[in-house]
Amino acid sequence: MLVGELSKKLGIPSSTIRYYEKIDLIPKIRDNNGYRNYPEEVVDLLRLVITAKELGFTLAEIKEFSSLIQELGQDRGRIRKKLELKIEDIEAKIKELRQFKKNISKLLTAKCPL
């Protein structure tokens, strides 16, 4: 799949795909004519990258996970620990958002007009 097709399919700019390739987040794949032509595995990988970014992972974290996963089995404990820490971060954000929601609800029900 050419970079433009991949961009359209995933709803991300071509420049983002080229950047991810530049920082070795996705493999550099070129046809003999020099065009980027990505296999379906790269589509799946990019979907994971997009989801991880939406969930608050940094590109450095995603790259590290990607490298660790490629070495599969060599350091699963490290992957697990990082994911557990990320879950703790997410839980803390959820707690903060619940408190924020509670505070906004109090403002809405308060007797003084806004």
PDB file of N, CA and C in Angstrom:
ATOM      1  N   MET A   1       0.847  -1.166   0.000  1.00  0.00           N
ATOM      2  CA  MET A   1       0.000   0.000   0.000  1.00  0.00           C
ATOM      3  C   MET A   1       0.902   1.243   0.000  1.00  0.00           C
ATOM      4  N   LEU A   2       0.646   2.142  -0.905  1.00  0.00           N
ATOM      5  CA  LEU A   2       1.446   3.363  -1.003  1.00  0.00           C
ATOM      6  C   LEU A   2       1.132   4.303   0.157  1.00  0.00           C
ATOM      7  N   VAL A   3       2.058   5.204   0.445  1.00  0.00           N
ATOM      8  CA  VAL A   3       1.919   6.074   1.608  1.00  0.00           C
ATOM      9  C   VAL A   3       0.633   6.901   1.558  1.00  0.00           C
ATOM     10  N   GLY A   4       0.233   7.366   0.388  1.00  0.00           N
ATOM     11  CA  GLY A   4      -1.003   8.139   0.261  1.00  0.00           C
ATOM     12  C   GLY A   4      -2.234   7.306   0.579  1.00  0.00           C
ATOM     13  N   GLU A   5      -2.220   6.065   0.121  1.00  0.00           N
ATOM     14  CA  GLU A   5      -3.331   5.152   0.399  1.00  0.00           C
ATOM     15  C   GLU A   5      -3.402   4.823   1.888  1.00  0.00           C
ATOM     16  N   LEU A   6      -2.245   4.603   2.472  1.00  0.00           N
ATOM     17  CA  LEU A   6      -2.157   4.310   3.902  1.00  0.00           C
ATOM     18  C   LEU A   6      -2.640   5.504   4.721  1.00  0.00           C
ATOM     19  N   SER A   7      -2.245   6.682   4.302  1.00  0.00           N
ATOM     20  CA  SER A   7      -2.665   7.913   4.962  1.00  0.00           C
ATOM     21  C   SER A   7      -4.181   8.041   4.960  1.00  0.00           C
ATOM     22  N   LYS A   8      -4.766   7.816   3.801  1.00  0.00           N
ATOM     23  CA  LYS A   8      -6.220   7.918   3.656  1.00  0.00           C
ATOM     24  C   LYS A   8      -6.928   6.845   4.482  1.00  0.00           C
ATOM     25  N   LYS A   9      -6.408   5.636   4.443  1.00  0.00           N
ATOM     26  CA  LYS A   9      -7.021   4.510   5.147  1.00  0.00           C
ATOM     27  C   LYS A   9      -7.044   4.734   6.656  1.00  0.00           C
ATOM     28  N   LEU A  10      -5.960   5.308   7.192  1.00  0.00           N
ATOM     29  CA  LEU A  10      -5.843   5.482   8.637  1.00  0.00           C
ATOM     30  C   LEU A  10      -6.241   6.877   9.119  1.00  0.00           C
ATOM     31  N   GLY A  11      -6.429   7.795   8.175  1.00  0.00           N
ATOM     32  CA  GLY A  11      -6.821   9.152   8.560  1.00  0.00           C
ATOM     33  C   GLY A  11      -5.717   9.936   9.232  1.00  0.00           C
ATOM     34  N   ILE A  12      -4.488   9.668   8.835  1.00  0.00           N
ATOM     35  CA  ILE A  12      -3.346  10.424   9.355  1.00  0.00           C
ATOM     36  C   ILE A  12      -2.569  10.992   8.173  1.00  0.00           C
ATOM     37  N   PRO A  13      -1.876  12.105   8.388  1.00  0.00           N
ATOM     38  CA  PRO A  13      -1.120  12.705   7.281  1.00  0.00           C
ATOM     39  C   PRO A  13       0.030  11.811   6.795  1.00  0.00           C
ATOM     40  N   SER A  14       0.320  11.898   5.515  1.00  0.00           N
ATOM     41  CA  SER A  14       1.462  11.171   4.945  1.00  0.00           C
ATOM     42  C   SER A  14       2.759  11.565   5.642  1.00  0.00           C
ATOM     43  N   SER A  15       2.837  12.830   6.021  1.00  0.00           N
ATOM     44  CA  SER A  15       4.055  13.308   6.697  1.00  0.00           C
ATOM     45  C   SER A  15       4.262  12.589   8.030  1.00  0.00           C
ATOM     46  N   THR A  16       3.176  12.236   8.706  1.00  0.00           N
ATOM     47  CA  THR A  16       3.281  11.492   9.967  1.00  0.00           C
ATOM     48  C   THR A  16       3.843  10.104   9.711  1.00  0.00           C
ATOM     49  N   ILE A  17       3.374   9.473   8.670  1.00  0.00           N
ATOM     50  CA  ILE A  17       3.863   8.137   8.320  1.00  0.00           C
ATOM     51  C   ILE A  17       5.351   8.203   7.983  1.00  0.00           C
ATOM     52  N   ARG A  18       5.725   9.210   7.195  1.00  0.00           N
ATOM     53  CA  ARG A  18       7.148   9.360   6.839  1.00  0.00           C
ATOM     54  C   ARG A  18       7.985   9.643   8.084  1.00  0.00           C
ATOM     55  N   TYR A  19       7.443  10.421   9.024  1.00  0.00           N
ATOM     56  CA  TYR A  19       8.164  10.719  10.273  1.00  0.00           C
ATOM     57  C   TYR A  19       8.340   9.445  11.099  1.00  0.00           C
ATOM     58  N   TYR A  20       7.288   8.649  11.214  1.00  0.00           N
ATOM     59  CA  TYR A  20       7.384   7.394  11.972  1.00  0.00           C
ATOM     60  C   TYR A  20       8.427   6.476  11.349  1.00  0.00           C
ATOM     61  N   GLU A  21       8.524   6.511  10.037  1.00  0.00           N
ATOM     62  CA  GLU A  21       9.548   5.724   9.351  1.00  0.00           C
ATOM     63  C   GLU A  21      10.936   6.287   9.670  1.00  0.00           C
ATOM     64  N   LYS A  22      11.050   7.609   9.649  1.00  0.00           N
ATOM     65  CA  LYS A  22      12.336   8.273   9.898  1.00  0.00           C
ATOM     66  C   LYS A  22      12.878   7.951  11.289  1.00  0.00           C
ATOM     67  N   ILE A  23      11.979   7.865  12.280  1.00  0.00           N
ATOM     68  CA  ILE A  23      12.433   7.583  13.648  1.00  0.00           C
ATOM     69  C   ILE A  23      12.424   6.083  13.953  1.00  0.00           C
ATOM     70  N   ASP A  24      12.272   5.270  12.899  1.00  0.00           N
ATOM     71  CA  ASP A  24      12.311   3.805  12.999  1.00  0.00           C
ATOM     72  C   ASP A  24      11.192   3.218  13.851  1.00  0.00           C
ATOM     73  N   LEU A  25      10.056   3.885  13.872  1.00  0.00           N
ATOM     74  CA  LEU A  25       8.893   3.339  14.559  1.00  0.00           C
ATOM     75  C   LEU A  25       8.209   2.294  13.678  1.00  0.00           C
ATOM     76  N   ILE A  26       8.271   2.514  12.381  1.00  0.00           N
ATOM     77  CA  ILE A  26       7.792   1.534  11.410  1.00  0.00           C
ATOM     78  C   ILE A  26       8.943   1.245  10.457  1.00  0.00           C
ATOM     79  N   PRO A  27       8.927   0.075   9.825  1.00  0.00           N
ATOM     80  CA  PRO A  27      10.048  -0.275   8.936  1.00  0.00           C
ATOM     81  C   PRO A  27      10.094   0.581   7.664  1.00  0.00           C
ATOM     82  N   LYS A  28      11.305   0.765   7.177  1.00  0.00           N
ATOM     83  CA  LYS A  28      11.516   1.473   5.909  1.00  0.00           C
ATOM     84  C   LYS A  28      11.368   0.447   4.795  1.00  0.00           C
ATOM     85  N   ILE A  29      10.314   0.597   4.011  1.00  0.00           N
ATOM     86  CA  ILE A  29      10.044  -0.360   2.941  1.00  0.00           C
ATOM     87  C   ILE A  29       9.900   0.403   1.634  1.00  0.00           C
ATOM     88  N   ARG A  30      10.764   0.089   0.679  1.00  0.00           N
ATOM     89  CA  ARG A  30      10.741   0.755  -0.629  1.00  0.00           C
ATOM     90  C   ARG A  30      10.692  -0.271  -1.738  1.00  0.00           C
ATOM     91  N   ASP A  31       9.940   0.057  -2.771  1.00  0.00           N
ATOM     92  CA  ASP A  31       9.957  -0.751  -3.996  1.00  0.00           C
ATOM     93  C   ASP A  31      11.228  -0.421  -4.770  1.00  0.00           C
ATOM     94  N   ASN A  32      11.482  -1.151  -5.825  1.00  0.00           N
ATOM     95  CA  ASN A  32      12.642  -0.882  -6.673  1.00  0.00           C
ATOM     96  C   ASN A  32      12.600   0.516  -7.268  1.00  0.00           C
ATOM     97  N   ASN A  33      11.384   1.038  -7.482  1.00  0.00           N
ATOM     98  CA  ASN A  33      11.249   2.383  -8.045  1.00  0.00           C
ATOM     99  C   ASN A  33      11.380   3.487  -6.997  1.00  0.00           C
ATOM    100  N   GLY A  34      11.604   3.110  -5.718  1.00  0.00           N
ATOM    101  CA  GLY A  34      11.801   4.087  -4.654  1.00  0.00           C
ATOM    102  C   GLY A  34      10.534   4.471  -3.910  1.00  0.00           C
ATOM    103  N   TYR A  35       9.380   4.006  -4.363  1.00  0.00           N
ATOM    104  CA  TYR A  35       8.121   4.323  -3.688  1.00  0.00           C
ATOM    105  C   TYR A  35       7.996   3.514  -2.401  1.00  0.00           C
ATOM    106  N   ARG A  36       7.419   4.166  -1.395  1.00  0.00           N
ATOM    107  CA  ARG A  36       7.088   3.443  -0.175  1.00  0.00           C
ATOM    108  C   ARG A  36       5.869   2.580  -0.489  1.00  0.00           C
ATOM    109  N   ASN A  37       5.963   1.288  -0.210  1.00  0.00           N
ATOM    110  CA  ASN A  37       4.858   0.374  -0.445  1.00  0.00           C
ATOM    111  C   ASN A  37       4.767  -0.556   0.756  1.00  0.00           C
ATOM    112  N   TYR A  38       3.806  -0.264   1.635  1.00  0.00           N
ATOM    113  CA  TYR A  38       3.719  -0.948   2.924  1.00  0.00           C
ATOM    114  C   TYR A  38       2.813  -2.170   2.873  1.00  0.00           C
ATOM    115  N   PRO A  39       3.247  -3.257   3.522  1.00  0.00           N
ATOM    116  CA  PRO A  39       2.386  -4.441   3.626  1.00  0.00           C
ATOM    117  C   PRO A  39       1.332  -4.231   4.722  1.00  0.00           C
ATOM    118  N   GLU A  40       0.380  -5.127   4.784  1.00  0.00           N
ATOM    119  CA  GLU A  40      -0.729  -5.028   5.747  1.00  0.00           C
ATOM    120  C   GLU A  40      -0.225  -5.013   7.196  1.00  0.00           C
ATOM    121  N   GLU A  41       0.897  -5.660   7.474  1.00  0.00           N
ATOM    122  CA  GLU A  41       1.439  -5.672   8.839  1.00  0.00           C
ATOM    123  C   GLU A  41       1.741  -4.258   9.328  1.00  0.00           C
ATOM    124  N   VAL A  42       2.174  -3.389   8.416  1.00  0.00           N
ATOM    125  CA  VAL A  42       2.474  -2.002   8.790  1.00  0.00           C
ATOM    126  C   VAL A  42       1.180  -1.254   9.110  1.00  0.00           C
ATOM    127  N   VAL A  43       0.106  -1.587   8.406  1.00  0.00           N
ATOM    128  CA  VAL A  43      -1.200  -0.983   8.703  1.00  0.00           C
ATOM    129  C   VAL A  43      -1.580  -1.331  10.143  1.00  0.00           C
ATOM    130  N   ASP A  44      -1.438  -2.596  10.495  1.00  0.00           N
ATOM    131  CA  ASP A  44      -1.766  -3.044  11.853  1.00  0.00           C
ATOM    132  C   ASP A  44      -0.870  -2.364  12.885  1.00  0.00           C
ATOM    133  N   LEU A  45       0.411  -2.274  12.578  1.00  0.00           N
ATOM    134  CA  LEU A  45       1.351  -1.615  13.482  1.00  0.00           C
ATOM    135  C   LEU A  45       0.977  -0.144  13.677  1.00  0.00           C
ATOM    136  N   LEU A  46       0.649   0.538  12.590  1.00  0.00           N
ATOM    137  CA  LEU A  46       0.263   1.945  12.694  1.00  0.00           C
ATOM    138  C   LEU A  46      -1.031   2.121  13.484  1.00  0.00           C
ATOM    139  N   ARG A  47      -1.943   1.195  13.349  1.00  0.00           N
ATOM    140  CA  ARG A  47      -3.175   1.264  14.165  1.00  0.00           C
ATOM    141  C   ARG A  47      -2.828   1.187  15.650  1.00  0.00           C
ATOM    142  N   LEU A  48      -1.898   0.315  15.988  1.00  0.00           N
ATOM    143  CA  LEU A  48      -1.454   0.215  17.385  1.00  0.00           C
ATOM    144  C   LEU A  48      -0.788   1.513  17.840  1.00  0.00           C
ATOM    145  N   VAL A  49       0.042   2.083  16.991  1.00  0.00           N
ATOM    146  CA  VAL A  49       0.724   3.340  17.319  1.00  0.00           C
ATOM    147  C   VAL A  49      -0.297   4.451  17.546  1.00  0.00           C
ATOM    148  N   ILE A  50      -1.279   4.559  16.658  1.00  0.00           N
ATOM    149  CA  ILE A  50      -2.303   5.598  16.760  1.00  0.00           C
ATOM    150  C   ILE A  50      -3.091   5.438  18.060  1.00  0.00           C
ATOM    151  N   THR A  51      -3.493   4.216  18.355  1.00  0.00           N
ATOM    152  CA  THR A  51      -4.244   3.962  19.585  1.00  0.00           C
ATOM    153  C   THR A  51      -3.406   4.277  20.815  1.00  0.00           C
ATOM    154  N   ALA A  52      -2.152   3.843  20.805  1.00  0.00           N
ATOM    155  CA  ALA A  52      -1.274   4.110  21.946  1.00  0.00           C
ATOM    156  C   ALA A  52      -1.090   5.612  22.154  1.00  0.00           C
ATOM    157  N   LYS A  53      -0.936   6.363  21.072  1.00  0.00           N
ATOM    158  CA  LYS A  53      -0.803   7.827  21.196  1.00  0.00           C
ATOM    159  C   LYS A  53      -2.076   8.433  21.776  1.00  0.00           C
ATOM    160  N   GLU A  54      -3.233   7.964  21.301  1.00  0.00           N
ATOM    161  CA  GLU A  54      -4.507   8.476  21.810  1.00  0.00           C
ATOM    162  C   GLU A  54      -4.668   8.185  23.297  1.00  0.00           C
ATOM    163  N   LEU A  55      -4.061   7.102  23.765  1.00  0.00           N
ATOM    164  CA  LEU A  55      -4.150   6.719  25.171  1.00  0.00           C
ATOM    165  C   LEU A  55      -3.091   7.395  26.037  1.00  0.00           C
ATOM    166  N   GLY A  56      -2.255   8.212  25.421  1.00  0.00           N
ATOM    167  CA  GLY A  56      -1.300   8.985  26.199  1.00  0.00           C
ATOM    168  C   GLY A  56       0.127   8.479  26.207  1.00  0.00           C
ATOM    169  N   PHE A  57       0.407   7.434  25.443  1.00  0.00           N
ATOM    170  CA  PHE A  57       1.789   6.975  25.345  1.00  0.00           C
ATOM    171  C   PHE A  57       2.582   7.943  24.481  1.00  0.00           C
ATOM    172  N   THR A  58       3.833   8.164  24.843  1.00  0.00           N
ATOM    173  CA  THR A  58       4.703   9.010  24.034  1.00  0.00           C
ATOM    174  C   THR A  58       5.289   8.157  22.907  1.00  0.00           C
ATOM    175  N   LEU A  59       5.808   8.830  21.883  1.00  0.00           N
ATOM    176  CA  LEU A  59       6.451   8.084  20.790  1.00  0.00           C
ATOM    177  C   LEU A  59       7.635   7.285  21.304  1.00  0.00           C
ATOM    178  N   ALA A  60       8.353   7.833  22.274  1.00  0.00           N
ATOM    179  CA  ALA A  60       9.498   7.104  22.844  1.00  0.00           C
ATOM    180  C   ALA A  60       9.028   5.820  23.525  1.00  0.00           C
ATOM    181  N   GLU A  61       7.921   5.902  24.273  1.00  0.00           N
ATOM    182  CA  GLU A  61       7.386   4.711  24.924  1.00  0.00           C
ATOM    183  C   GLU A  61       6.915   3.696  23.891  1.00  0.00           C
ATOM    184  N   ILE A  62       6.221   4.177  22.865  1.00  0.00           N
ATOM    185  CA  ILE A  62       5.710   3.287  21.817  1.00  0.00           C
ATOM    186  C   ILE A  62       6.875   2.605  21.106  1.00  0.00           C
ATOM    187  N   LYS A  63       7.908   3.366  20.821  1.00  0.00           N
ATOM    188  CA  LYS A  63       9.080   2.808  20.142  1.00  0.00           C
ATOM    189  C   LYS A  63       9.746   1.744  21.017  1.00  0.00           C
ATOM    190  N   GLU A  64       9.834   2.031  22.305  1.00  0.00           N
ATOM    191  CA  GLU A  64      10.438   1.063  23.222  1.00  0.00           C
ATOM    192  C   GLU A  64       9.597  -0.216  23.286  1.00  0.00           C
ATOM    193  N   PHE A  65       8.262  -0.064  23.409  1.00  0.00           N
ATOM    194  CA  PHE A  65       7.396  -1.237  23.426  1.00  0.00           C
ATOM    195  C   PHE A  65       7.530  -2.025  22.136  1.00  0.00           C
ATOM    196  N   SER A  66       7.563  -1.313  21.033  1.00  0.00           N
ATOM    197  CA  SER A  66       7.675  -1.956  19.730  1.00  0.00           C
ATOM    198  C   SER A  66       8.967  -2.765  19.649  1.00  0.00           C
ATOM    199  N   SER A  67      10.052  -2.186  20.112  1.00  0.00           N
ATOM    200  CA  SER A  67      11.343  -2.890  20.106  1.00  0.00           C
ATOM    201  C   SER A  67      11.293  -4.104  21.019  1.00  0.00           C
ATOM    202  N   LEU A  68      10.687  -3.920  22.196  1.00  0.00           N
ATOM    203  CA  LEU A  68      10.608  -5.033  23.141  1.00  0.00           C
ATOM    204  C   LEU A  68       9.741  -6.160  22.591  1.00  0.00           C
ATOM    205  N   ILE A  69       8.643  -5.796  21.967  1.00  0.00           N
ATOM    206  CA  ILE A  69       7.742  -6.804  21.415  1.00  0.00           C
ATOM    207  C   ILE A  69       8.444  -7.573  20.298  1.00  0.00           C
ATOM    208  N   GLN A  70       9.260  -6.866  19.499  1.00  0.00           N
ATOM    209  CA  GLN A  70       9.982  -7.528  18.423  1.00  0.00           C
ATOM    210  C   GLN A  70      10.987  -8.542  18.969  1.00  0.00           C
ATOM    211  N   GLU A  71      11.498  -8.262  20.149  1.00  0.00           N
ATOM    212  CA  GLU A  71      12.437  -9.187  20.794  1.00  0.00           C
ATOM    213  C   GLU A  71      11.676 -10.249  21.582  1.00  0.00           C
ATOM    214  N   LEU A  72      10.398 -10.297  21.418  1.00  0.00           N
ATOM    215  CA  LEU A  72       9.428 -11.115  22.123  1.00  0.00           C
ATOM    216  C   LEU A  72      10.033 -12.185  23.020  1.00  0.00           C
ATOM    217  N   GLY A  73       9.703 -12.054  24.255  1.00  0.00           N
ATOM    218  CA  GLY A  73      10.097 -13.071  25.209  1.00  0.00           C
ATOM    219  C   GLY A  73      11.398 -12.760  25.913  1.00  0.00           C
ATOM    220  N   GLN A  74      12.214 -11.919  25.360  1.00  0.00           N
ATOM    221  CA  GLN A  74      13.506 -11.653  25.971  1.00  0.00           C
ATOM    222  C   GLN A  74      13.370 -10.804  27.230  1.00  0.00           C
ATOM    223  N   ASP A  75      12.348  -9.967  27.286  1.00  0.00           N
ATOM    224  CA  ASP A  75      12.210  -9.104  28.452  1.00  0.00           C
ATOM    225  C   ASP A  75      10.743  -8.770  28.711  1.00  0.00           C
ATOM    226  N   ARG A  76       9.920  -9.793  28.808  1.00  0.00           N
ATOM    227  CA  ARG A  76       8.493  -9.582  29.030  1.00  0.00           C
ATOM    228  C   ARG A  76       8.221  -8.869  30.344  1.00  0.00           C
ATOM    229  N   GLY A  77       9.057  -9.111  31.339  1.00  0.00           N
ATOM    230  CA  GLY A  77       8.882  -8.461  32.643  1.00  0.00           C
ATOM    231  C   GLY A  77       8.970  -6.943  32.523  1.00  0.00           C
ATOM    232  N   ARG A  78       9.886  -6.488  31.696  1.00  0.00           N
ATOM    233  CA  ARG A  78      10.045  -5.042  31.488  1.00  0.00           C
ATOM    234  C   ARG A  78       8.826  -4.453  30.779  1.00  0.00           C
ATOM    235  N   ILE A  79       8.320  -5.155  29.772  1.00  0.00           N
ATOM    236  CA  ILE A  79       7.122  -4.702  29.066  1.00  0.00           C
ATOM    237  C   ILE A  79       5.963  -4.631  30.053  1.00  0.00           C
ATOM    238  N   ARG A  80       5.792  -5.696  30.817  1.00  0.00           N
ATOM    239  CA  ARG A  80       4.688  -5.771  31.793  1.00  0.00           C
ATOM    240  C   ARG A  80       4.761  -4.624  32.795  1.00  0.00           C
ATOM    241  N   LYS A  81       5.946  -4.352  33.327  1.00  0.00           N
ATOM    242  CA  LYS A  81       6.107  -3.285  34.321  1.00  0.00           C
ATOM    243  C   LYS A  81       5.741  -1.929  33.724  1.00  0.00           C
ATOM    244  N   LYS A  82       6.193  -1.645  32.511  1.00  0.00           N
ATOM    245  CA  LYS A  82       5.877  -0.369  31.870  1.00  0.00           C
ATOM    246  C   LYS A  82       4.380  -0.236  31.635  1.00  0.00           C
ATOM    247  N   LEU A  83       3.751  -1.323  31.203  1.00  0.00           N
ATOM    248  CA  LEU A  83       2.308  -1.282  30.982  1.00  0.00           C
ATOM    249  C   LEU A  83       1.555  -1.112  32.301  1.00  0.00           C
ATOM    250  N   GLU A  84       2.020  -1.752  33.349  1.00  0.00           N
ATOM    251  CA  GLU A  84       1.390  -1.590  34.659  1.00  0.00           C
ATOM    252  C   GLU A  84       1.503  -0.136  35.142  1.00  0.00           C
ATOM    253  N   LEU A  85       2.653   0.473  34.927  1.00  0.00           N
ATOM    254  CA  LEU A  85       2.833   1.881  35.304  1.00  0.00           C
ATOM    255  C   LEU A  85       1.899   2.781  34.499  1.00  0.00           C
ATOM    256  N   LYS A  86       1.731   2.466  33.231  1.00  0.00           N
ATOM    257  CA  LYS A  86       0.837   3.265  32.400  1.00  0.00           C
ATOM    258  C   LYS A  86      -0.602   3.117  32.879  1.00  0.00           C
ATOM    259  N   ILE A  87      -0.986   1.915  33.275  1.00  0.00           N
ATOM    260  CA  ILE A  87      -2.329   1.709  33.822  1.00  0.00           C
ATOM    261  C   ILE A  87      -2.517   2.553  35.078  1.00  0.00           C
ATOM    262  N   GLU A  88      -1.510   2.619  35.927  1.00  0.00           N
ATOM    263  CA  GLU A  88      -1.589   3.459  37.130  1.00  0.00           C
ATOM    264  C   GLU A  88      -1.787   4.927  36.755  1.00  0.00           C
ATOM    265  N   ASP A  89      -1.070   5.390  35.737  1.00  0.00           N
ATOM    266  CA  ASP A  89      -1.245   6.768  35.262  1.00  0.00           C
ATOM    267  C   ASP A  89      -2.669   7.009  34.770  1.00  0.00           C
ATOM    268  N   ILE A  90      -3.184   6.051  34.025  1.00  0.00           N
ATOM    269  CA  ILE A  90      -4.548   6.169  33.489  1.00  0.00           C
ATOM    270  C   ILE A  90      -5.558   6.202  34.632  1.00  0.00           C
ATOM    271  N   GLU A  91      -5.387   5.329  35.617  1.00  0.00           N
ATOM    272  CA  GLU A  91      -6.288   5.307  36.771  1.00  0.00           C
ATOM    273  C   GLU A  91      -6.256   6.640  37.520  1.00  0.00           C
ATOM    274  N   ALA A  92      -5.080   7.227  37.662  1.00  0.00           N
ATOM    275  CA  ALA A  92      -4.967   8.528  38.331  1.00  0.00           C
ATOM    276  C   ALA A  92      -5.701   9.608  37.537  1.00  0.00           C
ATOM    277  N   LYS A  93      -5.581   9.577  36.218  1.00  0.00           N
ATOM    278  CA  LYS A  93      -6.281  10.555  35.382  1.00  0.00           C
ATOM    279  C   LYS A  93      -7.793  10.378  35.490  1.00  0.00           C
ATOM    280  N   ILE A  94      -8.244   9.122  35.529  1.00  0.00           N
ATOM    281  CA  ILE A  94      -9.675   8.859  35.674  1.00  0.00           C
ATOM    282  C   ILE A  94     -10.172   9.426  37.001  1.00  0.00           C
ATOM    283  N   LYS A  95      -9.412   9.234  38.055  1.00  0.00           N
ATOM    284  CA  LYS A  95      -9.782   9.759  39.376  1.00  0.00           C
ATOM    285  C   LYS A  95      -9.868  11.282  39.338  1.00  0.00           C
ATOM    286  N   GLU A  96      -8.875  11.918  38.698  1.00  0.00           N
ATOM    287  CA  GLU A  96      -8.890  13.381  38.574  1.00  0.00           C
ATOM    288  C   GLU A  96     -10.093  13.855  37.761  1.00  0.00           C
ATOM    289  N   LEU A  97     -10.407  13.159  36.679  1.00  0.00           N
ATOM    290  CA  LEU A  97     -11.550  13.530  35.850  1.00  0.00           C
ATOM    291  C   LEU A  97     -12.866  13.367  36.605  1.00  0.00           C
ATOM    292  N   ARG A  98     -12.976  12.323  37.410  1.00  0.00           N
ATOM    293  CA  ARG A  98     -14.197  12.138  38.218  1.00  0.00           C
ATOM    294  C   ARG A  98     -14.361  13.289  39.213  1.00  0.00           C
ATOM    295  N   GLN A  99     -13.260  13.676  39.831  1.00  0.00           N
ATOM    296  CA  GLN A  99     -13.321  14.791  40.789  1.00  0.00           C
ATOM    297  C   GLN A  99     -13.679  16.086  40.062  1.00  0.00           C
ATOM    298  N   PHE A 100     -13.114  16.294  38.903  1.00  0.00           N
ATOM    299  CA  PHE A 100     -13.412  17.484  38.104  1.00  0.00           C
ATOM    300  C   PHE A 100     -14.889  17.517  37.733  1.00  0.00           C
ATOM    301  N   LYS A 101     -15.413  16.369  37.325  1.00  0.00           N
ATOM    302  CA  LYS A 101     -16.830  16.260  36.986  1.00  0.00           C
ATOM    303  C   LYS A 101     -17.698  16.580  38.200  1.00  0.00           C
ATOM    304  N   LYS A 102     -17.309  16.067  39.353  1.00  0.00           N
ATOM    305  CA  LYS A 102     -18.060  16.318  40.590  1.00  0.00           C
ATOM    306  C   LYS A 102     -18.070  17.815  40.903  1.00  0.00           C
ATOM    307  N   ASN A 103     -16.922  18.465  40.725  1.00  0.00           N
ATOM    308  CA  ASN A 103     -16.827  19.911  40.995  1.00  0.00           C
ATOM    309  C   ASN A 103     -17.694  20.713  40.027  1.00  0.00           C
ATOM    310  N   ILE A 104     -17.704  20.328  38.782  1.00  0.00           N
ATOM    311  CA  ILE A 104     -18.540  21.019  37.793  1.00  0.00           C
ATOM    312  C   ILE A 104     -20.019  20.812  38.120  1.00  0.00           C
ATOM    313  N   SER A 105     -20.373  19.602  38.518  1.00  0.00           N
ATOM    314  CA  SER A 105     -21.766  19.323  38.880  1.00  0.00           C
ATOM    315  C   SER A 105     -22.197  20.175  40.067  1.00  0.00           C
ATOM    316  N   LYS A 106     -21.303  20.362  41.031  1.00  0.00           N
ATOM    317  CA  LYS A 106     -21.611  21.220  42.188  1.00  0.00           C
ATOM    318  C   LYS A 106     -21.877  22.648  41.739  1.00  0.00           C
ATOM    319  N   LEU A 107     -21.062  23.122  40.783  1.00  0.00           N
ATOM    320  CA  LEU A 107     -21.284  24.473  40.269  1.00  0.00           C
ATOM    321  C   LEU A 107     -22.639  24.599  39.596  1.00  0.00           C
ATOM    322  N   LEU A 108     -23.031  23.593  38.878  1.00  0.00           N
ATOM    323  CA  LEU A 108     -24.314  23.620  38.167  1.00  0.00           C
ATOM    324  C   LEU A 108     -25.495  23.606  39.123  1.00  0.00           C
ATOM    325  N   THR A 109     -25.338  22.924  40.238  1.00  0.00           N
ATOM    326  CA  THR A 109     -26.450  22.828  41.187  1.00  0.00           C
ATOM    327  C   THR A 109     -26.398  23.887  42.273  1.00  0.00           C
ATOM    328  N   ALA A 110     -25.346  24.686  42.303  1.00  0.00           N
ATOM    329  CA  ALA A 110     -25.213  25.734  43.318  1.00  0.00           C
ATOM    330  C   ALA A 110     -26.320  26.772  43.175  1.00  0.00           C
ATOM    331  N   LYS A 111     -26.668  27.402  44.277  1.00  0.00           N
ATOM    332  CA  LYS A 111     -27.750  28.405  44.274  1.00  0.00           C
ATOM    333  C   LYS A 111     -27.321  29.694  43.597  1.00  0.00           C
ATOM    334  N   CYS A 112     -26.032  29.992  43.596  1.00  0.00           N
ATOM    335  CA  CYS A 112     -25.598  31.254  42.986  1.00  0.00           C
ATOM    336  C   CYS A 112     -25.536  31.083  41.476  1.00  0.00           C
ATOM    337  N   PRO A 113     -26.084  32.018  40.735  1.00  0.00           N
ATOM    338  CA  PRO A 113     -26.079  31.911  39.263  1.00  0.00           C
ATOM    339  C   PRO A 113     -24.681  32.083  38.680  1.00  0.00           C
ATOM    340  N   LEU A 114     -24.484  31.461  37.572  1.00  0.00           N
ATOM    341  CA  LEU A 114     -23.196  31.585  36.864  1.00  0.00           C
ATOM    342  C   LEU A 114     -23.264  32.692  35.861  1.00  0.00           C
TER     343      LEU A 114
END
